[in-house]
């Protein structure tokens, strides 16, 4: 049986937690910070976790993670 390939885009963007959830970087902080409020910029710090439906889709892309 041949091995499954991991999606290269997925392995660069997502990390698994110990409980099996998937962490992702926050979107919306690349540019245009002047027009965003300070509160919004603070909330976009760090990482967030994916929803259950998106988690199932990403796990198909990363079979060995």
N, C-alpha and C. Protein backbone atom coordinates (compact mmCIF):
# COMPACT_ATOMS: atom_id res chain seq x y z
N UNK A 1 0.85 -1.19 0.00
CA UNK A 1 0.00 0.00 0.00
C UNK A 1 0.89 1.24 0.00
N UNK A 2 0.56 2.18 -0.86
CA UNK A 2 1.36 3.40 -0.92
C UNK A 2 1.04 4.31 0.25
N UNK A 3 1.99 5.17 0.56
CA UNK A 3 1.80 6.11 1.67
C UNK A 3 0.98 7.30 1.20
N UNK A 4 0.26 7.92 2.14
CA UNK A 4 -0.51 9.12 1.84
C UNK A 4 0.37 10.34 1.99
N UNK A 5 0.17 11.31 1.12
CA UNK A 5 0.95 12.54 1.22
C UNK A 5 0.22 13.56 2.08
N UNK A 6 0.99 14.31 2.84
CA UNK A 6 0.46 15.42 3.62
C UNK A 6 0.38 16.65 2.73
N UNK A 7 -0.72 17.41 2.83
CA UNK A 7 -0.83 18.66 2.08
C UNK A 7 0.22 19.63 2.60
N UNK A 8 1.08 20.12 1.72
CA UNK A 8 2.15 21.02 2.14
C UNK A 8 1.61 22.32 2.72
N UNK A 9 0.51 22.82 2.16
CA UNK A 9 -0.05 24.07 2.67
C UNK A 9 -0.59 23.89 4.08
N UNK A 10 -1.12 22.70 4.38
CA UNK A 10 -1.69 22.45 5.71
C UNK A 10 -0.60 22.33 6.76
N UNK A 11 0.50 21.66 6.43
CA UNK A 11 1.54 21.47 7.44
C UNK A 11 2.23 22.78 7.79
N UNK A 12 2.18 23.76 6.88
CA UNK A 12 2.78 25.06 7.15
C UNK A 12 1.86 25.95 8.00
N UNK A 13 0.55 25.71 7.95
CA UNK A 13 -0.40 26.62 8.58
C UNK A 13 -1.01 26.13 9.89
N UNK A 14 -1.01 24.83 10.14
CA UNK A 14 -1.73 24.28 11.28
C UNK A 14 -0.84 23.45 12.18
N UNK A 15 -1.15 23.45 13.49
CA UNK A 15 -0.47 22.61 14.48
C UNK A 15 -1.53 21.92 15.32
N UNK A 16 -1.23 20.70 15.78
CA UNK A 16 -2.17 19.96 16.61
C UNK A 16 -1.87 20.20 18.09
N UNK A 17 -2.93 20.29 18.90
CA UNK A 17 -2.77 20.35 20.35
C UNK A 17 -2.73 18.92 20.88
N UNK A 18 -2.43 18.76 22.17
CA UNK A 18 -2.35 17.42 22.75
C UNK A 18 -3.71 16.72 22.75
N UNK A 19 -4.79 17.48 22.83
CA UNK A 19 -6.12 16.88 22.86
C UNK A 19 -6.68 16.62 21.46
N UNK A 20 -5.93 16.96 20.41
CA UNK A 20 -6.37 16.68 19.05
C UNK A 20 -7.02 17.84 18.33
N UNK A 21 -7.13 18.99 19.00
CA UNK A 21 -7.67 20.17 18.32
C UNK A 21 -6.57 20.75 17.42
N UNK A 22 -6.96 21.65 16.55
CA UNK A 22 -6.01 22.23 15.62
C UNK A 22 -5.89 23.72 15.87
N UNK A 23 -4.64 24.18 16.04
CA UNK A 23 -4.36 25.60 16.23
C UNK A 23 -4.05 26.24 14.89
N UNK A 24 -4.47 27.50 14.74
CA UNK A 24 -4.15 28.25 13.53
C UNK A 24 -3.79 29.68 13.91
N UNK A 25 -3.05 30.33 13.06
CA UNK A 25 -2.73 31.73 13.27
C UNK A 25 -3.94 32.60 13.00
N UNK A 26 -3.98 33.75 13.65
CA UNK A 26 -5.11 34.65 13.46
C UNK A 26 -5.01 35.36 12.11
N UNK A 27 -6.12 35.45 11.41
CA UNK A 27 -6.17 36.17 10.14
C UNK A 27 -6.44 37.64 10.39
N UNK A 28 -6.01 38.48 9.45
CA UNK A 28 -6.36 39.89 9.51
C UNK A 28 -5.35 40.78 10.20
N UNK A 29 -4.08 40.35 10.30
CA UNK A 29 -3.07 41.20 10.94
C UNK A 29 -1.86 41.44 10.05
N UNK A 30 -1.99 41.28 8.76
CA UNK A 30 -0.84 41.46 7.87
C UNK A 30 -0.61 42.93 7.53
N UNK A 31 -1.67 43.66 7.29
CA UNK A 31 -1.53 45.06 6.91
C UNK A 31 -2.82 45.80 7.26
N UNK A 32 -2.80 47.12 7.14
CA UNK A 32 -4.00 47.91 7.40
C UNK A 32 -4.33 48.06 8.87
N UNK A 33 -3.30 48.09 9.74
CA UNK A 33 -3.53 48.18 11.17
C UNK A 33 -4.03 49.56 11.60
N UNK A 34 -3.77 50.57 10.79
CA UNK A 34 -4.18 51.94 11.17
C UNK A 34 -5.70 52.04 11.25
N UNK A 35 -6.38 51.39 10.34
CA UNK A 35 -7.85 51.50 10.32
C UNK A 35 -8.53 50.60 11.33
N UNK A 36 -7.81 49.68 11.96
CA UNK A 36 -8.39 48.80 12.96
C UNK A 36 -8.28 49.42 14.35
N UNK A 37 -9.23 49.09 15.21
CA UNK A 37 -9.19 49.62 16.57
C UNK A 37 -8.14 48.86 17.38
N UNK A 38 -7.65 49.49 18.44
CA UNK A 38 -6.67 48.83 19.30
C UNK A 38 -7.26 47.58 19.93
N UNK A 39 -8.55 47.61 20.24
CA UNK A 39 -9.22 46.44 20.82
C UNK A 39 -9.20 45.27 19.84
N UNK A 40 -9.46 45.56 18.57
CA UNK A 40 -9.46 44.51 17.57
C UNK A 40 -8.07 43.93 17.38
N UNK A 41 -7.05 44.78 17.39
CA UNK A 41 -5.67 44.31 17.24
C UNK A 41 -5.29 43.43 18.42
N UNK A 42 -5.70 43.79 19.63
CA UNK A 42 -5.40 42.96 20.81
C UNK A 42 -6.06 41.60 20.71
N UNK A 43 -7.31 41.56 20.23
CA UNK A 43 -8.02 40.29 20.14
C UNK A 43 -7.42 39.36 19.09
N UNK A 44 -6.70 39.92 18.12
CA UNK A 44 -6.13 39.11 17.05
C UNK A 44 -4.74 38.56 17.40
N UNK A 45 -4.26 38.80 18.61
CA UNK A 45 -2.95 38.28 19.00
C UNK A 45 -2.98 36.77 19.16
N UNK A 46 -1.83 36.15 18.99
CA UNK A 46 -1.70 34.73 19.31
C UNK A 46 -2.38 33.83 18.29
N UNK A 47 -2.88 32.70 18.75
CA UNK A 47 -3.49 31.71 17.88
C UNK A 47 -4.93 31.44 18.32
N UNK A 48 -5.66 30.75 17.47
CA UNK A 48 -7.02 30.32 17.82
C UNK A 48 -7.18 28.87 17.36
N UNK A 49 -8.29 28.24 17.75
CA UNK A 49 -8.53 26.86 17.36
C UNK A 49 -9.65 26.80 16.32
N UNK A 50 -9.60 25.77 15.49
CA UNK A 50 -10.59 25.60 14.44
C UNK A 50 -11.88 24.99 15.00
N UNK A 51 -12.96 25.20 14.28
CA UNK A 51 -14.23 24.57 14.65
C UNK A 51 -14.18 23.08 14.33
N UNK A 52 -15.16 22.32 14.83
CA UNK A 52 -15.16 20.88 14.65
C UNK A 52 -15.26 20.48 13.18
N UNK A 53 -16.10 21.18 12.42
CA UNK A 53 -16.27 20.82 11.01
C UNK A 53 -15.00 21.08 10.21
N UNK A 54 -14.33 22.18 10.50
CA UNK A 54 -13.07 22.47 9.80
C UNK A 54 -11.96 21.53 10.26
N UNK A 55 -12.00 21.10 11.53
CA UNK A 55 -10.99 20.18 12.05
C UNK A 55 -11.03 18.86 11.29
N UNK A 56 -12.21 18.35 11.01
CA UNK A 56 -12.33 17.08 10.27
C UNK A 56 -11.73 17.21 8.88
N UNK A 57 -11.93 18.35 8.23
CA UNK A 57 -11.40 18.56 6.88
C UNK A 57 -9.87 18.62 6.91
N UNK A 58 -9.30 19.32 7.88
CA UNK A 58 -7.84 19.47 7.95
C UNK A 58 -7.19 18.15 8.32
N UNK A 59 -7.83 17.34 9.17
CA UNK A 59 -7.25 16.05 9.55
C UNK A 59 -7.12 15.12 8.36
N UNK A 60 -8.00 15.26 7.36
CA UNK A 60 -7.87 14.46 6.14
C UNK A 60 -6.63 14.86 5.35
N UNK A 61 -6.24 16.13 5.44
CA UNK A 61 -5.06 16.62 4.73
C UNK A 61 -3.77 16.21 5.42
N UNK A 62 -3.83 15.92 6.73
CA UNK A 62 -2.63 15.61 7.50
C UNK A 62 -2.78 14.24 8.14
N UNK A 63 -2.61 13.17 7.38
CA UNK A 63 -2.93 11.82 7.87
C UNK A 63 -2.02 11.32 8.98
N UNK A 64 -0.79 11.83 9.09
CA UNK A 64 0.15 11.28 10.06
C UNK A 64 0.42 12.23 11.23
N UNK A 65 -0.37 13.26 11.39
CA UNK A 65 -0.13 14.23 12.47
C UNK A 65 -0.86 13.83 13.73
